[in-house]
Structures are given as structure tokens and as C-alpha cells.
Amino acid sequence: MTKKSNQKQYDLEDRTERFAKNVRAFAKKLKWSIANQEDGKQVIRSSGSVGANYIEANEALSKKDFKIRIKICRKEAKESRYWLKLIDKECVPYLDCERDTLIQESTELMNIFGAILRKTK
């Protein structure tokens, strides 16, 4: 691997970590309700799983293992987007904007992992 591709690898690791941290910060601001508690737990798990599986993909033992992990990354990003859409933000304008930003980031991550998959074939 060249130094340039290593740098891109770590940039995506950092980006997925930032996404998970931003989701956690968002979840802390939500009004407490049973629905938000459950949806918050789910989005925290799935957002963290995006980065964790990307790290695993970078340590893959084979091309097949790499592709499986990248597929999981894409799936977890899509799941994060789903849970973010379900969260009730109680009409707080700044949370609406923050949630939309997180939904956009999850969509971009899905697209990135989809592109990686297409290039890996």
C-alpha cells in the first residue's frame, strides 16, 4: 500500500469515528421518552458499528473478508440513517438541523462504502 492510500484509509477511520461521536452527542440532547431511549440506543450501536467494521475491514485476512466487512459498514450506515429518522426531536429547531446533518453523513458513508465495494469487484 502506498502512503497516500494509507492516509485515505485513516481519514475514513477518523470520519466514521467522528460520525459515531456526533451521534452520541446528538442523543444526549434528546428529550427523554421511551421511544427516544430505545431509538437512541439503536442509533448509537449502529453508528459505532460503522467505524468498528471499517477498522476490521482494514485488517481483513482476505479480499472476501474485506468485502464482507465493507458490506456491513454500508448496512450499519443505512441502519443509522433509519434510526435517526425515527427519533422524535420534539420540534427543537437546532436538533432538526443537527439530525439532518447526521442523516446526510450516514447517506454519504453509505455511498462511500458502496463505491469501495464496486471498486473491489
Protein backbone atom coordinates (compact mmCIF):
# COMPACT_ATOMS: atom_id res chain seq x y z
CA MET A 1 0.00 0.00 0.00
CA THR A 2 1.26 3.46 -0.80
CA LYS A 3 1.50 6.20 1.77
CA LYS A 4 -1.28 8.12 0.01
CA SER A 5 -3.76 5.22 0.20
CA ASN A 6 -2.82 4.67 3.86
CA GLN A 7 -3.68 8.31 4.54
CA LYS A 8 -7.11 7.89 2.89
CA GLN A 9 -7.70 4.76 4.97
CA TYR A 10 -7.10 6.63 8.20
CA ASP A 11 -9.16 9.63 7.07
CA LEU A 12 -12.20 7.35 6.69
CA GLU A 13 -11.46 5.76 10.06
CA ASP A 14 -11.42 9.25 11.58
CA ARG A 15 -14.59 10.21 9.73
CA THR A 16 -16.52 7.17 10.93
CA GLU A 17 -15.30 7.80 14.49
CA ARG A 18 -16.44 11.43 14.27
CA PHE A 19 -19.83 10.25 12.99
CA ALA A 20 -20.26 7.93 15.98
CA LYS A 21 -19.20 10.67 18.41
CA ASN A 22 -21.57 13.19 16.81
CA VAL A 23 -24.46 10.71 17.04
CA ARG A 24 -23.70 10.21 20.74
CA ALA A 25 -23.62 13.97 21.34
CA PHE A 26 -26.94 14.32 19.50
CA ALA A 27 -28.54 11.52 21.53
CA LYS A 28 -27.59 13.25 24.79
CA LYS A 29 -29.63 16.31 23.77
CA LEU A 30 -32.86 14.44 23.10
CA LYS A 31 -35.91 14.78 25.28
CA TRP A 32 -36.32 11.64 27.34
CA SER A 33 -39.05 9.27 26.22
CA ILE A 34 -39.25 5.50 25.99
CA ALA A 35 -39.14 5.73 22.18
CA ASN A 36 -36.13 8.06 22.16
CA GLN A 37 -34.33 5.90 24.70
CA GLU A 38 -34.75 2.78 22.56
CA ASP A 39 -34.12 4.51 19.21
CA GLY A 40 -31.13 6.31 20.75
CA LYS A 41 -29.61 3.02 21.88
CA GLN A 42 -30.05 1.57 18.41
CA VAL A 43 -28.53 4.54 16.57
CA ILE A 44 -25.61 4.66 18.99
CA ARG A 45 -24.89 0.97 18.35
CA SER A 46 -25.22 1.15 14.58
CA SER A 47 -23.22 4.38 14.22
CA GLY A 48 -20.36 2.91 16.25
CA SER A 49 -20.51 -0.30 14.25
CA VAL A 50 -19.79 1.58 11.02
CA GLY A 51 -16.31 2.55 12.17
CA ALA A 52 -15.61 -0.66 14.05
CA ASN A 53 -16.31 -2.73 10.96
CA TYR A 54 -14.24 -0.41 8.79
CA ILE A 55 -11.29 -0.98 11.11
CA GLU A 56 -11.93 -4.72 10.81
CA ALA A 57 -12.04 -4.40 7.01
CA ASN A 58 -8.63 -2.75 7.04
CA GLU A 59 -7.29 -5.76 8.94
CA ALA A 60 -9.07 -8.29 6.70
CA LEU A 61 -7.46 -11.66 6.12
CA SER A 62 -8.68 -11.93 2.55
CA LYS A 63 -10.42 -9.98 -0.19
CA LYS A 64 -13.65 -11.84 0.62
CA ASP A 65 -13.35 -10.87 4.30
CA PHE A 66 -12.72 -7.25 3.29
CA LYS A 67 -15.83 -7.16 1.09
CA ILE A 68 -17.99 -8.67 3.82
CA ARG A 69 -16.83 -6.05 6.33
CA ILE A 70 -17.40 -3.20 3.88
CA LYS A 71 -20.92 -4.52 3.20
CA ILE A 72 -21.53 -4.48 6.95
CA CYS A 73 -20.26 -0.88 7.11
CA ARG A 74 -22.73 0.12 4.41
CA LYS A 75 -25.55 -1.76 6.15
CA GLU A 76 -24.80 -0.14 9.52
CA ALA A 77 -24.67 3.34 7.96
CA LYS A 78 -28.07 2.67 6.39
CA GLU A 79 -29.42 1.41 9.70
CA SER A 80 -28.10 4.53 11.45
CA ARG A 81 -29.96 6.68 8.96
CA TYR A 82 -33.16 4.75 9.67
CA TRP A 83 -32.93 5.20 13.46
CA LEU A 84 -32.08 8.88 13.07
CA LYS A 85 -35.25 9.38 11.03
CA LEU A 86 -37.34 7.72 13.76
CA ILE A 87 -36.04 9.83 16.63
CA ASP A 88 -38.55 12.34 17.99
CA LYS A 89 -36.73 15.63 18.42
CA GLU A 90 -39.75 17.46 19.84
CA CYS A 91 -39.71 20.32 17.30
CA VAL A 92 -36.47 21.82 18.62
CA PRO A 93 -35.09 23.64 15.55
CA TYR A 94 -31.39 23.16 16.28
CA LEU A 95 -31.93 19.42 16.78
CA ASP A 96 -33.77 19.25 13.45
CA CYS A 97 -30.75 20.72 11.67
CA GLU A 98 -28.34 18.51 13.62
CA ARG A 99 -30.34 15.39 12.81
CA ASP A 100 -30.47 16.32 9.11
CA THR A 101 -26.68 16.73 9.13
CA LEU A 102 -26.26 13.28 10.69
CA ILE A 103 -28.68 11.76 8.18
CA GLN A 104 -26.67 13.37 5.37
CA GLU A 105 -23.42 11.98 6.81
CA SER A 106 -24.87 8.47 7.09
CA THR A 107 -26.00 8.72 3.45
CA GLU A 108 -22.54 9.86 2.36
CA LEU A 109 -20.93 7.00 4.28
CA MET A 110 -23.31 4.54 2.60
CA ASN A 111 -22.26 5.93 -0.78
CA ILE A 112 -18.56 5.75 0.09
CA PHE A 113 -18.79 2.13 1.18
CA GLY A 114 -20.87 1.32 -1.91
CA ALA A 115 -18.15 2.84 -4.11
CA ILE A 116 -15.48 0.83 -2.28
CA LEU A 117 -17.48 -2.33 -2.95
CA ARG A 118 -17.85 -1.53 -6.64
CA LYS A 119 -14.11 -0.92 -6.98
CA THR A 120 -13.26 -4.11 -5.09
CA LYS A 121 -15.05 -6.47 -7.52
